[in-house]
Amino acid sequence: MERKISVEKACVPTAAEPVRKGRREQKKEEKLRRISHAARQLFHAQGFDATTTAQVAELAEIGEGTLFLYIVKKEDLLILAFTEEMAEVVIASAAAVDSRGGFIDQASAFFSRLMAYHEADQALAKAFLREVGFLRDPGRDYGFGKIPMMPSLEAIADRARARGEIGPHFTSPDIAQLAFSAYWYCLRDWANDELSSELFHERLRHLLSMQVRGLAP
């Protein structure tokens, strides 16, 4: 997640200004990467609750005051770390999907890989999911746009539409959103300990099957 920081502009730009601005932005991005990597390492090693902002700052080799130029509260570190990690997981999951399968099989395989990631560190995953489920400031940039979730699902929908499995009167973005809604619904129940890992997969496939039957031409 890239936190937007305002930069004062001189009234009359000089030739050197773009260079200076570029260097400042590079330094900010480098610090943000170090913060994200430090948070990921500490959260996975000792959990979210046990990790302090001072520890993250120390591992990222910045001052704690500098850290709070990039975040507002400790929970922002959780979102920052998981957003970067989730983008990597989504890309890998989409690449591993067998494009020869039907829509349900492809979507289930894609979501199953995402779920495997969450199951690898359940306490941390549930803390993250509970945090992002109720964003307190919808005007803030949490960096979720960096996660190619919808494009990955739209590609699955495109293949299903090309095979005639789904009617042409439905758009791929709408299909992707509908499939993601089913996934998020099941993931929410899992995070709240209302659905076991086994039932998660069973319930999700059932919901996807219902959607396809309703979308059939």
C-alpha atoms as a PDB file:
ATOM      1  CA  MET A   1       0.000   0.000   0.000  1.00  0.00           C
ATOM      2  CA  GLU A   2       1.436   3.394  -0.961  1.00  0.00           C
ATOM      3  CA  ARG A   3       0.418   6.113   1.437  1.00  0.00           C
ATOM      4  CA  LYS A   4      -0.161   9.375  -0.402  1.00  0.00           C
ATOM      5  CA  ILE A   5       1.916  12.183   1.017  1.00  0.00           C
ATOM      6  CA  SER A   6       1.480  15.703  -0.263  1.00  0.00           C
ATOM      7  CA  VAL A   7       4.537  17.394  -1.694  1.00  0.00           C
ATOM      8  CA  GLU A   8       4.729  21.166  -1.851  1.00  0.00           C
ATOM      9  CA  LYS A   9       5.429  22.466  -5.320  1.00  0.00           C
ATOM     10  CA  ALA A  10       7.373  25.606  -5.999  1.00  0.00           C
ATOM     11  CA  CYS A  11       5.539  28.367  -7.813  1.00  0.00           C
ATOM     12  CA  VAL A  12       8.140  28.292 -10.583  1.00  0.00           C
ATOM     13  CA  PRO A  13       9.496  24.808 -11.314  1.00  0.00           C
ATOM     14  CA  THR A  14      13.186  24.506 -12.032  1.00  0.00           C
ATOM     15  CA  ALA A  15      14.978  22.032 -14.223  1.00  0.00           C
ATOM     16  CA  ALA A  16      16.366  20.222 -11.171  1.00  0.00           C
ATOM     17  CA  GLU A  17      12.999  19.896  -9.430  1.00  0.00           C
ATOM     18  CA  PRO A  18      11.820  16.674 -11.146  1.00  0.00           C
ATOM     19  CA  VAL A  19      15.114  15.017 -10.193  1.00  0.00           C
ATOM     20  CA  ARG A  20      14.793  16.049  -6.546  1.00  0.00           C
ATOM     21  CA  LYS A  21      11.164  14.952  -6.465  1.00  0.00           C
ATOM     22  CA  GLY A  22      12.065  11.613  -7.985  1.00  0.00           C
ATOM     23  CA  ARG A  23      14.697  10.995  -5.366  1.00  0.00           C
ATOM     24  CA  ARG A  24      12.308  11.867  -2.557  1.00  0.00           C
ATOM     25  CA  GLU A  25       9.702   9.511  -3.928  1.00  0.00           C
ATOM     26  CA  GLN A  26      12.257   6.745  -4.323  1.00  0.00           C
ATOM     27  CA  LYS A  27      13.305   7.156  -0.705  1.00  0.00           C
ATOM     28  CA  LYS A  28       9.680   7.061   0.437  1.00  0.00           C
ATOM     29  CA  GLU A  29       8.997   3.933  -1.595  1.00  0.00           C
ATOM     30  CA  GLU A  30      12.132   2.268  -0.243  1.00  0.00           C
ATOM     31  CA  LYS A  31      11.108   3.070   3.344  1.00  0.00           C
ATOM     32  CA  LEU A  32       7.617   1.772   2.653  1.00  0.00           C
ATOM     33  CA  ARG A  33       9.050  -1.492   1.323  1.00  0.00           C
ATOM     34  CA  ARG A  34      11.243  -1.866   4.406  1.00  0.00           C
ATOM     35  CA  ILE A  35       8.276  -1.174   6.674  1.00  0.00           C
ATOM     36  CA  SER A  36       6.113  -3.705   4.856  1.00  0.00           C
ATOM     37  CA  HIS A  37       8.788  -6.403   4.898  1.00  0.00           C
ATOM     38  CA  ALA A  38       9.569  -5.768   8.564  1.00  0.00           C
ATOM     39  CA  ALA A  39       5.891  -5.982   9.502  1.00  0.00           C
ATOM     40  CA  ARG A  40       5.441  -9.207   7.541  1.00  0.00           C
ATOM     41  CA  GLN A  41       8.474 -10.791   9.153  1.00  0.00           C
ATOM     42  CA  LEU A  42       7.480  -9.850  12.696  1.00  0.00           C
ATOM     43  CA  PHE A  43       3.796 -10.697  12.312  1.00  0.00           C
ATOM     44  CA  HIS A  44       4.589 -14.163  10.996  1.00  0.00           C
ATOM     45  CA  ALA A  45       7.274 -14.737  13.630  1.00  0.00           C
ATOM     46  CA  GLN A  46       5.461 -13.589  16.763  1.00  0.00           C
ATOM     47  CA  GLY A  47       1.903 -12.640  15.817  1.00  0.00           C
ATOM     48  CA  PHE A  48       0.116  -9.333  15.444  1.00  0.00           C
ATOM     49  CA  ASP A  49      -0.675  -8.689  19.107  1.00  0.00           C
ATOM     50  CA  ALA A  50       2.877  -9.299  20.291  1.00  0.00           C
ATOM     51  CA  THR A  51       4.419  -7.041  17.661  1.00  0.00           C
ATOM     52  CA  THR A  52       4.952  -3.380  18.519  1.00  0.00           C
ATOM     53  CA  THR A  53       5.373  -0.418  16.201  1.00  0.00           C
ATOM     54  CA  ALA A  54       8.775   0.182  17.831  1.00  0.00           C
ATOM     55  CA  GLN A  55       9.902  -3.296  16.746  1.00  0.00           C
ATOM     56  CA  VAL A  56       8.740  -2.714  13.193  1.00  0.00           C
ATOM     57  CA  ALA A  57      10.539   0.627  13.053  1.00  0.00           C
ATOM     58  CA  GLU A  58      13.738  -0.889  14.422  1.00  0.00           C
ATOM     59  CA  LEU A  59      13.724  -3.775  11.935  1.00  0.00           C
ATOM     60  CA  ALA A  60      12.929  -1.370   9.080  1.00  0.00           C
ATOM     61  CA  GLU A  61      15.846   0.794  10.259  1.00  0.00           C
ATOM     62  CA  ILE A  62      13.788   3.955  10.664  1.00  0.00           C
ATOM     63  CA  GLY A  63      12.628   5.994  13.623  1.00  0.00           C
ATOM     64  CA  GLU A  64       9.232   5.253  15.141  1.00  0.00           C
ATOM     65  CA  GLY A  65       8.204   8.831  14.378  1.00  0.00           C
ATOM     66  CA  THR A  66       9.038   8.255  10.721  1.00  0.00           C
ATOM     67  CA  LEU A  67       6.935   5.101  10.765  1.00  0.00           C
ATOM     68  CA  PHE A  68       3.866   7.130  11.687  1.00  0.00           C
ATOM     69  CA  LEU A  69       4.306   9.268   8.601  1.00  0.00           C
ATOM     70  CA  TYR A  70       3.201   6.157   6.689  1.00  0.00           C
ATOM     71  CA  ILE A  71       0.585   4.733   9.042  1.00  0.00           C
ATOM     72  CA  VAL A  72      -2.009   6.091  11.448  1.00  0.00           C
ATOM     73  CA  LYS A  73      -2.334   3.099  13.741  1.00  0.00           C
ATOM     74  CA  LYS A  74      -0.760  -0.298  14.235  1.00  0.00           C
ATOM     75  CA  GLU A  75      -3.564  -2.027  12.332  1.00  0.00           C
ATOM     76  CA  ASP A  76      -2.460  -0.184   9.194  1.00  0.00           C
ATOM     77  CA  LEU A  77       0.733  -2.257   9.293  1.00  0.00           C
ATOM     78  CA  LEU A  78      -1.398  -5.378   9.120  1.00  0.00           C
ATOM     79  CA  ILE A  79      -3.159  -4.108   6.007  1.00  0.00           C
ATOM     80  CA  LEU A  80       0.099  -2.903   4.469  1.00  0.00           C
ATOM     81  CA  ALA A  81       1.853  -6.233   4.970  1.00  0.00           C
ATOM     82  CA  PHE A  82      -1.036  -8.385   3.800  1.00  0.00           C
ATOM     83  CA  THR A  83      -1.851  -6.236   0.769  1.00  0.00           C
ATOM     84  CA  GLU A  84       1.634  -6.764  -0.635  1.00  0.00           C
ATOM     85  CA  GLU A  85       1.611 -10.449   0.236  1.00  0.00           C
ATOM     86  CA  MET A  86      -1.900 -10.985  -1.089  1.00  0.00           C
ATOM     87  CA  ALA A  87      -0.992  -9.494  -4.457  1.00  0.00           C
ATOM     88  CA  GLU A  88       1.755 -12.105  -4.818  1.00  0.00           C
ATOM     89  CA  VAL A  89      -0.595 -14.918  -3.793  1.00  0.00           C
ATOM     90  CA  VAL A  90      -3.342 -13.860  -6.211  1.00  0.00           C
ATOM     91  CA  ILE A  91      -0.921 -13.674  -9.137  1.00  0.00           C
ATOM     92  CA  ALA A  92       0.466 -17.138  -8.360  1.00  0.00           C
ATOM     93  CA  SER A  93      -3.020 -18.593  -7.821  1.00  0.00           C
ATOM     94  CA  ALA A  94      -4.315 -17.272 -11.129  1.00  0.00           C
ATOM     95  CA  ALA A  95      -1.291 -18.655 -12.981  1.00  0.00           C
ATOM     96  CA  ALA A  96      -1.847 -22.109 -11.481  1.00  0.00           C
ATOM     97  CA  VAL A  97      -5.493 -22.426 -12.602  1.00  0.00           C
ATOM     98  CA  ASP A  98      -6.108 -25.047 -15.286  1.00  0.00           C
ATOM     99  CA  SER A  99      -7.793 -23.041 -18.040  1.00  0.00           C
ATOM    100  CA  ARG A 100      -9.306 -26.212 -19.525  1.00  0.00           C
ATOM    101  CA  GLY A 101     -11.701 -26.659 -16.613  1.00  0.00           C
ATOM    102  CA  GLY A 102     -15.201 -25.276 -16.269  1.00  0.00           C
ATOM    103  CA  PHE A 103     -16.021 -22.035 -14.491  1.00  0.00           C
ATOM    104  CA  ILE A 104     -16.788 -23.718 -11.163  1.00  0.00           C
ATOM    105  CA  ASP A 105     -13.611 -25.799 -11.249  1.00  0.00           C
ATOM    106  CA  GLN A 106     -11.424 -22.853 -12.194  1.00  0.00           C
ATOM    107  CA  ALA A 107     -12.946 -20.471  -9.649  1.00  0.00           C
ATOM    108  CA  SER A 108     -12.830 -23.130  -6.929  1.00  0.00           C
ATOM    109  CA  ALA A 109      -9.177 -23.888  -7.665  1.00  0.00           C
ATOM    110  CA  PHE A 110      -8.310 -20.189  -7.614  1.00  0.00           C
ATOM    111  CA  PHE A 111     -10.090 -19.561  -4.307  1.00  0.00           C
ATOM    112  CA  SER A 112      -8.703 -22.756  -2.786  1.00  0.00           C
ATOM    113  CA  ARG A 113      -5.169 -21.468  -3.263  1.00  0.00           C
ATOM    114  CA  LEU A 114      -6.088 -18.185  -1.604  1.00  0.00           C
ATOM    115  CA  MET A 115      -7.604 -20.100   1.276  1.00  0.00           C
ATOM    116  CA  ALA A 116      -4.456 -22.211   1.623  1.00  0.00           C
ATOM    117  CA  TYR A 117      -2.521 -19.003   2.126  1.00  0.00           C
ATOM    118  CA  HIS A 118      -4.878 -17.895   4.910  1.00  0.00           C
ATOM    119  CA  GLU A 119      -4.795 -21.317   6.549  1.00  0.00           C
ATOM    120  CA  ALA A 120      -0.994 -21.253   6.758  1.00  0.00           C
ATOM    121  CA  ASP A 121      -1.182 -18.633   9.528  1.00  0.00           C
ATOM    122  CA  GLN A 122      -4.771 -18.648  10.689  1.00  0.00           C
ATOM    123  CA  ALA A 123      -4.462 -16.312  13.682  1.00  0.00           C
ATOM    124  CA  LEU A 124      -2.802 -13.622  11.610  1.00  0.00           C
ATOM    125  CA  ALA A 125      -5.126 -14.122   8.645  1.00  0.00           C
ATOM    126  CA  LYS A 126      -8.228 -13.809  10.805  1.00  0.00           C
ATOM    127  CA  ALA A 127      -6.872 -10.639  12.424  1.00  0.00           C
ATOM    128  CA  PHE A 128      -6.324  -9.153   8.972  1.00  0.00           C
ATOM    129  CA  LEU A 129      -9.722 -10.205   7.627  1.00  0.00           C
ATOM    130  CA  ARG A 130     -11.523  -8.779  10.632  1.00  0.00           C
ATOM    131  CA  GLU A 131      -9.682  -5.504  10.173  1.00  0.00           C
ATOM    132  CA  VAL A 132     -10.354  -5.092   6.438  1.00  0.00           C
ATOM    133  CA  GLY A 133     -13.955  -6.233   6.796  1.00  0.00           C
ATOM    134  CA  PHE A 134     -14.863  -2.955   8.449  1.00  0.00           C
ATOM    135  CA  LEU A 135     -12.686  -0.164   7.083  1.00  0.00           C
ATOM    136  CA  ARG A 136     -13.093   2.887   9.256  1.00  0.00           C
ATOM    137  CA  ASP A 137     -11.995   5.430   6.646  1.00  0.00           C
ATOM    138  CA  PRO A 138     -13.313   4.657   3.149  1.00  0.00           C
ATOM    139  CA  GLY A 139     -11.550   7.755   1.825  1.00  0.00           C
ATOM    140  CA  ARG A 140      -8.077   6.371   2.536  1.00  0.00           C
ATOM    141  CA  ASP A 141      -5.980   4.492   0.006  1.00  0.00           C
ATOM    142  CA  TYR A 142      -5.352   1.049   1.487  1.00  0.00           C
ATOM    143  CA  GLY A 143      -3.629  -0.189  -1.653  1.00  0.00           C
ATOM    144  CA  PHE A 144      -6.179  -2.884  -2.454  1.00  0.00           C
ATOM    145  CA  GLY A 145      -6.057  -1.841  -6.103  1.00  0.00           C
ATOM    146  CA  LYS A 146      -2.641  -3.493  -6.320  1.00  0.00           C
ATOM    147  CA  ILE A 147      -4.247  -6.897  -5.750  1.00  0.00           C
ATOM    148  CA  PRO A 148      -5.337  -8.251  -9.184  1.00  0.00           C
ATOM    149  CA  MET A 149      -8.321 -10.104  -7.759  1.00  0.00           C
ATOM    150  CA  MET A 150     -10.967  -8.879 -10.191  1.00  0.00           C
ATOM    151  CA  PRO A 151      -8.814  -9.185 -13.342  1.00  0.00           C
ATOM    152  CA  SER A 152      -7.976 -12.770 -12.364  1.00  0.00           C
ATOM    153  CA  LEU A 153     -11.638 -13.669 -11.911  1.00  0.00           C
ATOM    154  CA  GLU A 154     -12.618 -11.801 -15.059  1.00  0.00           C
ATOM    155  CA  ALA A 155     -10.154 -13.942 -17.025  1.00  0.00           C
ATOM    156  CA  ILE A 156     -11.870 -17.055 -15.678  1.00  0.00           C
ATOM    157  CA  ALA A 157     -15.251 -15.587 -16.633  1.00  0.00           C
ATOM    158  CA  ASP A 158     -13.981 -14.689 -20.118  1.00  0.00           C
ATOM    159  CA  ARG A 159     -13.000 -18.303 -20.734  1.00  0.00           C
ATOM    160  CA  ALA A 160     -16.377 -19.544 -19.521  1.00  0.00           C
ATOM    161  CA  ARG A 161     -18.216 -17.096 -21.757  1.00  0.00           C
ATOM    162  CA  ALA A 162     -16.069 -18.080 -24.764  1.00  0.00           C
ATOM    163  CA  ARG A 163     -17.066 -21.734 -24.230  1.00  0.00           C
ATOM    164  CA  GLY A 164     -20.736 -20.803 -23.983  1.00  0.00           C
ATOM    165  CA  GLU A 165     -20.879 -21.944 -20.375  1.00  0.00           C
ATOM    166  CA  ILE A 166     -22.203 -18.533 -19.321  1.00  0.00           C
ATOM    167  CA  GLY A 167     -24.594 -16.418 -21.330  1.00  0.00           C
ATOM    168  CA  PRO A 168     -23.141 -13.526 -23.380  1.00  0.00           C
ATOM    169  CA  HIS A 169     -25.606 -11.069 -21.823  1.00  0.00           C
ATOM    170  CA  PHE A 170     -23.608 -11.131 -18.565  1.00  0.00           C
ATOM    171  CA  THR A 171     -20.390  -9.122 -18.366  1.00  0.00           C
ATOM    172  CA  SER A 172     -17.179 -10.627 -17.040  1.00  0.00           C
ATOM    173  CA  PRO A 173     -16.728  -7.879 -14.387  1.00  0.00           C
ATOM    174  CA  ASP A 174     -20.216  -8.598 -13.010  1.00  0.00           C
ATOM    175  CA  ILE A 175     -19.553 -12.346 -12.992  1.00  0.00           C
ATOM    176  CA  ALA A 176     -16.228 -11.777 -11.242  1.00  0.00           C
ATOM    177  CA  GLN A 177     -17.876  -9.603  -8.615  1.00  0.00           C
ATOM    178  CA  LEU A 178     -20.568 -12.186  -8.008  1.00  0.00           C
ATOM    179  CA  ALA A 179     -18.015 -14.986  -7.584  1.00  0.00           C
ATOM    180  CA  PHE A 180     -15.887 -12.867  -5.262  1.00  0.00           C
ATOM    181  CA  SER A 181     -18.958 -12.051  -3.161  1.00  0.00           C
ATOM    182  CA  ALA A 182     -19.516 -15.779  -2.576  1.00  0.00           C
ATOM    183  CA  TYR A 183     -15.856 -16.227  -1.642  1.00  0.00           C
ATOM    184  CA  TRP A 184     -15.860 -13.248   0.704  1.00  0.00           C
ATOM    185  CA  TYR A 185     -19.058 -14.406   2.370  1.00  0.00           C
ATOM    186  CA  CYS A 186     -17.516 -17.817   3.132  1.00  0.00           C
ATOM    187  CA  LEU A 187     -14.198 -16.288   4.141  1.00  0.00           C
ATOM    188  CA  ARG A 188     -15.939 -13.951   6.561  1.00  0.00           C
ATOM    189  CA  ASP A 189     -17.689 -16.866   8.253  1.00  0.00           C
ATOM    190  CA  TRP A 190     -14.381 -18.742   8.463  1.00  0.00           C
ATOM    191  CA  ALA A 191     -12.657 -15.726  10.018  1.00  0.00           C
ATOM    192  CA  ASN A 192     -15.453 -15.499  12.588  1.00  0.00           C
ATOM    193  CA  ASP A 193     -15.079 -19.225  13.398  1.00  0.00           C
ATOM    194  CA  GLU A 194     -18.543 -19.947  12.028  1.00  0.00           C
ATOM    195  CA  LEU A 195     -17.268 -22.164   9.219  1.00  0.00           C
ATOM    196  CA  SER A 196     -14.533 -24.803   9.335  1.00  0.00           C
ATOM    197  CA  SER A 197     -11.895 -25.031   6.602  1.00  0.00           C
ATOM    198  CA  GLU A 198     -13.550 -28.169   5.233  1.00  0.00           C
ATOM    199  CA  LEU A 199     -16.992 -26.602   5.139  1.00  0.00           C
ATOM    200  CA  PHE A 200     -15.548 -23.447   3.591  1.00  0.00           C
ATOM    201  CA  HIS A 201     -14.672 -25.303   0.382  1.00  0.00           C
ATOM    202  CA  GLU A 202     -17.936 -27.209   0.330  1.00  0.00           C
ATOM    203  CA  ARG A 203     -20.043 -24.102   0.898  1.00  0.00           C
ATOM    204  CA  LEU A 204     -18.162 -22.002  -1.631  1.00  0.00           C
ATOM    205  CA  ARG A 205     -18.483 -24.585  -4.392  1.00  0.00           C
ATOM    206  CA  HIS A 206     -22.204 -24.857  -3.655  1.00  0.00           C
ATOM    207  CA  LEU A 207     -22.656 -21.089  -3.971  1.00  0.00           C
ATOM    208  CA  LEU A 208     -20.649 -20.974  -7.200  1.00  0.00           C
ATOM    209  CA  SER A 209     -22.770 -23.805  -8.592  1.00  0.00           C
ATOM    210  CA  MET A 210     -25.928 -21.873  -7.771  1.00  0.00           C
ATOM    211  CA  GLN A 211     -24.539 -18.838  -9.558  1.00  0.00           C
ATOM    212  CA  VAL A 212     -23.660 -20.761 -12.708  1.00  0.00           C
ATOM    213  CA  ARG A 213     -27.073 -22.373 -12.879  1.00  0.00           C
ATOM    214  CA  GLY A 214     -28.610 -18.938 -12.618  1.00  0.00           C
ATOM    215  CA  LEU A 215     -26.252 -17.539 -15.270  1.00  0.00           C
ATOM    216  CA  ALA A 216     -26.711 -20.352 -17.781  1.00  0.00           C
ATOM    217  CA  PRO A 217     -27.921 -19.188 -21.232  1.00  0.00           C
END
